[in-house]
Amino acid sequence: MEEKIRARLEELRSYLKADGGDLDIVEIKGKNVSVRLKGACGCCPHATMTIKDGLERVLREEIDSEITLERVD
């Protein structure tokens, strides 16, 4: 499952990069994923929406409905 999560997040990075941002995958433990937002995404007031309504939603729909994505600094 970790490989699927990493691969899908790599694909989704292009959307963040288009807005001047990016992400680093900090850790994946089972279904818990920790990411660090960078660039424009790192200080964006909508970062929580990007993580929960964007990235996490896609991972839950496409890989496993119990995946949680968490932002770390």
N, C-alpha and C. Protein backbone atom coordinates (compact mmCIF):
# COMPACT_ATOMS: atom_id res chain seq x y z
N MET A 1 0.81 -1.19 0.00
CA MET A 1 0.00 0.00 0.00
C MET A 1 0.87 1.26 0.00
N GLU A 2 2.00 1.20 0.69
CA GLU A 2 2.88 2.38 0.74
C GLU A 2 3.33 2.80 -0.65
N GLU A 3 3.64 1.84 -1.50
CA GLU A 3 4.06 2.17 -2.86
C GLU A 3 2.95 2.86 -3.64
N LYS A 4 1.71 2.40 -3.46
CA LYS A 4 0.57 3.03 -4.14
C LYS A 4 0.38 4.47 -3.66
N ILE A 5 0.50 4.68 -2.35
CA ILE A 5 0.34 6.02 -1.78
C ILE A 5 1.42 6.94 -2.33
N ARG A 6 2.67 6.49 -2.28
CA ARG A 6 3.78 7.31 -2.78
C ARG A 6 3.60 7.65 -4.27
N ALA A 7 3.22 6.67 -5.05
CA ALA A 7 3.05 6.89 -6.49
C ALA A 7 1.94 7.90 -6.77
N ARG A 8 0.84 7.78 -6.06
CA ARG A 8 -0.29 8.71 -6.31
C ARG A 8 0.05 10.12 -5.85
N LEU A 9 0.73 10.25 -4.70
CA LEU A 9 1.13 11.58 -4.25
C LEU A 9 2.12 12.21 -5.22
N GLU A 10 3.00 11.41 -5.80
CA GLU A 10 3.93 11.94 -6.81
C GLU A 10 3.15 12.51 -7.99
N GLU A 11 2.10 11.83 -8.41
CA GLU A 11 1.28 12.32 -9.52
C GLU A 11 0.57 13.62 -9.14
N LEU A 12 0.09 13.70 -7.91
CA LEU A 12 -0.65 14.88 -7.45
C LEU A 12 0.24 16.10 -7.23
N ARG A 13 1.53 15.88 -7.06
CA ARG A 13 2.46 16.99 -6.84
C ARG A 13 2.41 18.00 -7.99
N SER A 14 2.12 17.55 -9.20
CA SER A 14 2.10 18.46 -10.35
C SER A 14 1.06 19.56 -10.16
N TYR A 15 -0.05 19.24 -9.49
CA TYR A 15 -1.08 20.26 -9.24
C TYR A 15 -0.58 21.29 -8.24
N LEU A 16 0.14 20.84 -7.23
CA LEU A 16 0.70 21.78 -6.25
C LEU A 16 1.77 22.65 -6.91
N LYS A 17 2.61 22.03 -7.73
CA LYS A 17 3.68 22.76 -8.41
C LYS A 17 3.11 23.83 -9.35
N ALA A 18 1.97 23.55 -9.95
CA ALA A 18 1.35 24.51 -10.86
C ALA A 18 0.96 25.80 -10.13
N ASP A 19 0.76 25.70 -8.81
CA ASP A 19 0.41 26.87 -8.00
C ASP A 19 1.60 27.39 -7.20
N GLY A 20 2.80 26.92 -7.52
CA GLY A 20 4.00 27.41 -6.85
C GLY A 20 4.32 26.68 -5.56
N GLY A 21 3.72 25.53 -5.33
CA GLY A 21 3.96 24.77 -4.10
C GLY A 21 4.53 23.40 -4.39
N ASP A 22 4.61 22.61 -3.34
CA ASP A 22 5.11 21.25 -3.46
C ASP A 22 4.88 20.54 -2.13
N LEU A 23 5.24 19.27 -2.07
CA LEU A 23 5.14 18.54 -0.81
C LEU A 23 6.26 17.53 -0.69
N ASP A 24 6.60 17.22 0.54
CA ASP A 24 7.52 16.14 0.86
C ASP A 24 6.74 15.11 1.65
N ILE A 25 6.94 13.85 1.34
CA ILE A 25 6.36 12.78 2.15
C ILE A 25 7.32 12.56 3.31
N VAL A 26 6.86 12.84 4.52
CA VAL A 26 7.71 12.72 5.70
C VAL A 26 7.72 11.28 6.20
N GLU A 27 6.52 10.68 6.28
CA GLU A 27 6.44 9.33 6.82
C GLU A 27 5.12 8.68 6.41
N ILE A 28 5.18 7.39 6.20
CA ILE A 28 3.98 6.60 5.95
C ILE A 28 4.03 5.42 6.92
N LYS A 29 3.07 5.38 7.83
CA LYS A 29 2.95 4.28 8.78
C LYS A 29 1.58 3.66 8.58
N GLY A 30 1.54 2.54 7.89
CA GLY A 30 0.27 1.91 7.61
C GLY A 30 -0.59 2.81 6.75
N LYS A 31 -1.71 3.24 7.32
CA LYS A 31 -2.64 4.11 6.58
C LYS A 31 -2.54 5.57 7.01
N ASN A 32 -1.53 5.89 7.81
CA ASN A 32 -1.29 7.26 8.27
C ASN A 32 -0.12 7.86 7.50
N VAL A 33 -0.40 8.97 6.82
CA VAL A 33 0.58 9.61 5.95
C VAL A 33 0.86 11.01 6.49
N SER A 34 2.13 11.33 6.67
CA SER A 34 2.54 12.67 7.10
C SER A 34 3.26 13.35 5.95
N VAL A 35 2.84 14.58 5.65
CA VAL A 35 3.47 15.34 4.57
C VAL A 35 3.83 16.73 5.06
N ARG A 36 4.81 17.32 4.39
CA ARG A 36 5.22 18.69 4.65
C ARG A 36 4.96 19.49 3.38
N LEU A 37 4.19 20.55 3.49
CA LEU A 37 3.92 21.39 2.34
C LEU A 37 5.03 22.43 2.21
N LYS A 38 5.41 22.73 0.96
CA LYS A 38 6.50 23.66 0.71
C LYS A 38 6.04 24.74 -0.27
N GLY A 39 6.87 25.75 -0.39
CA GLY A 39 6.60 26.82 -1.33
C GLY A 39 5.32 27.55 -0.99
N ALA A 40 4.56 27.91 -2.00
CA ALA A 40 3.32 28.65 -1.80
C ALA A 40 2.32 27.87 -0.95
N CYS A 41 2.36 26.56 -1.03
CA CYS A 41 1.43 25.74 -0.25
C CYS A 41 1.76 25.75 1.24
N GLY A 42 3.03 25.97 1.57
CA GLY A 42 3.46 25.95 2.95
C GLY A 42 2.86 27.05 3.80
N CYS A 43 2.56 28.19 3.19
CA CYS A 43 2.00 29.31 3.94
C CYS A 43 0.59 29.68 3.50
N CYS A 44 -0.01 28.86 2.69
CA CYS A 44 -1.35 29.14 2.16
C CYS A 44 -2.41 28.95 3.23
N PRO A 45 -3.35 29.88 3.34
CA PRO A 45 -4.42 29.72 4.33
C PRO A 45 -5.38 28.58 4.00
N HIS A 46 -5.31 28.07 2.78
CA HIS A 46 -6.19 26.97 2.37
C HIS A 46 -5.49 25.62 2.40
N ALA A 47 -4.34 25.54 3.06
CA ALA A 47 -3.55 24.31 3.09
C ALA A 47 -4.33 23.14 3.68
N THR A 48 -5.12 23.38 4.71
CA THR A 48 -5.91 22.30 5.32
C THR A 48 -6.90 21.75 4.32
N MET A 49 -7.54 22.62 3.55
CA MET A 49 -8.47 22.16 2.53
C MET A 49 -7.74 21.36 1.45
N THR A 50 -6.55 21.81 1.07
CA THR A 50 -5.76 21.10 0.08
C THR A 50 -5.47 19.68 0.55
N ILE A 51 -5.12 19.55 1.82
CA ILE A 51 -4.78 18.23 2.35
C ILE A 51 -6.02 17.36 2.52
N LYS A 52 -7.02 17.85 3.21
CA LYS A 52 -8.20 17.03 3.54
C LYS A 52 -9.15 16.85 2.35
N ASP A 53 -9.52 17.95 1.70
CA ASP A 53 -10.50 17.87 0.61
C ASP A 53 -9.88 17.54 -0.73
N GLY A 54 -8.57 17.61 -0.81
CA GLY A 54 -7.88 17.30 -2.06
C GLY A 54 -7.13 16.00 -1.98
N LEU A 55 -5.94 16.07 -1.41
CA LEU A 55 -5.04 14.91 -1.40
C LEU A 55 -5.60 13.71 -0.65
N GLU A 56 -6.08 13.93 0.57
CA GLU A 56 -6.61 12.81 1.36
C GLU A 56 -7.83 12.18 0.68
N ARG A 57 -8.70 13.01 0.15
CA ARG A 57 -9.91 12.51 -0.52
C ARG A 57 -9.54 11.60 -1.69
N VAL A 58 -8.57 12.02 -2.49
CA VAL A 58 -8.15 11.21 -3.63
C VAL A 58 -7.58 9.87 -3.17
N LEU A 59 -6.70 9.91 -2.15
CA LEU A 59 -6.12 8.67 -1.65
C LEU A 59 -7.20 7.74 -1.10
N ARG A 60 -8.18 8.29 -0.40
CA ARG A 60 -9.26 7.47 0.16
C ARG A 60 -10.13 6.87 -0.94
N GLU A 61 -10.42 7.64 -1.98
CA GLU A 61 -11.27 7.15 -3.06
C GLU A 61 -10.55 6.11 -3.91
N GLU A 62 -9.26 6.29 -4.14
CA GLU A 62 -8.55 5.45 -5.09
C GLU A 62 -7.76 4.30 -4.46
N ILE A 63 -7.39 4.43 -3.18
CA ILE A 63 -6.53 3.40 -2.58
C ILE A 63 -7.19 2.71 -1.39
N ASP A 64 -7.55 3.48 -0.35
CA ASP A 64 -8.16 2.88 0.84
C ASP A 64 -8.93 3.96 1.60
N SER A 65 -10.16 3.66 1.97
CA SER A 65 -11.03 4.64 2.61
C SER A 65 -10.61 5.03 4.03
N GLU A 66 -9.61 4.35 4.58
CA GLU A 66 -9.18 4.65 5.95
C GLU A 66 -7.87 5.43 6.01
N ILE A 67 -7.34 5.83 4.87
CA ILE A 67 -6.11 6.60 4.85
C ILE A 67 -6.35 7.97 5.49
N THR A 68 -5.40 8.40 6.32
CA THR A 68 -5.44 9.76 6.87
C THR A 68 -4.16 10.48 6.48
N LEU A 69 -4.32 11.71 6.08
CA LEU A 69 -3.19 12.54 5.66
C LEU A 69 -3.06 13.66 6.67
N GLU A 70 -1.85 13.86 7.17
CA GLU A 70 -1.61 14.85 8.20
C GLU A 70 -0.46 15.75 7.77
N ARG A 71 -0.61 17.01 8.07
CA ARG A 71 0.44 17.99 7.76
C ARG A 71 1.37 18.14 8.95
N VAL A 72 2.66 18.09 8.69
CA VAL A 72 3.66 18.34 9.73
C VAL A 72 4.54 19.48 9.27
N ASP A 73 5.11 20.18 10.24
CA ASP A 73 6.00 21.31 9.91
C ASP A 73 7.44 20.94 10.05
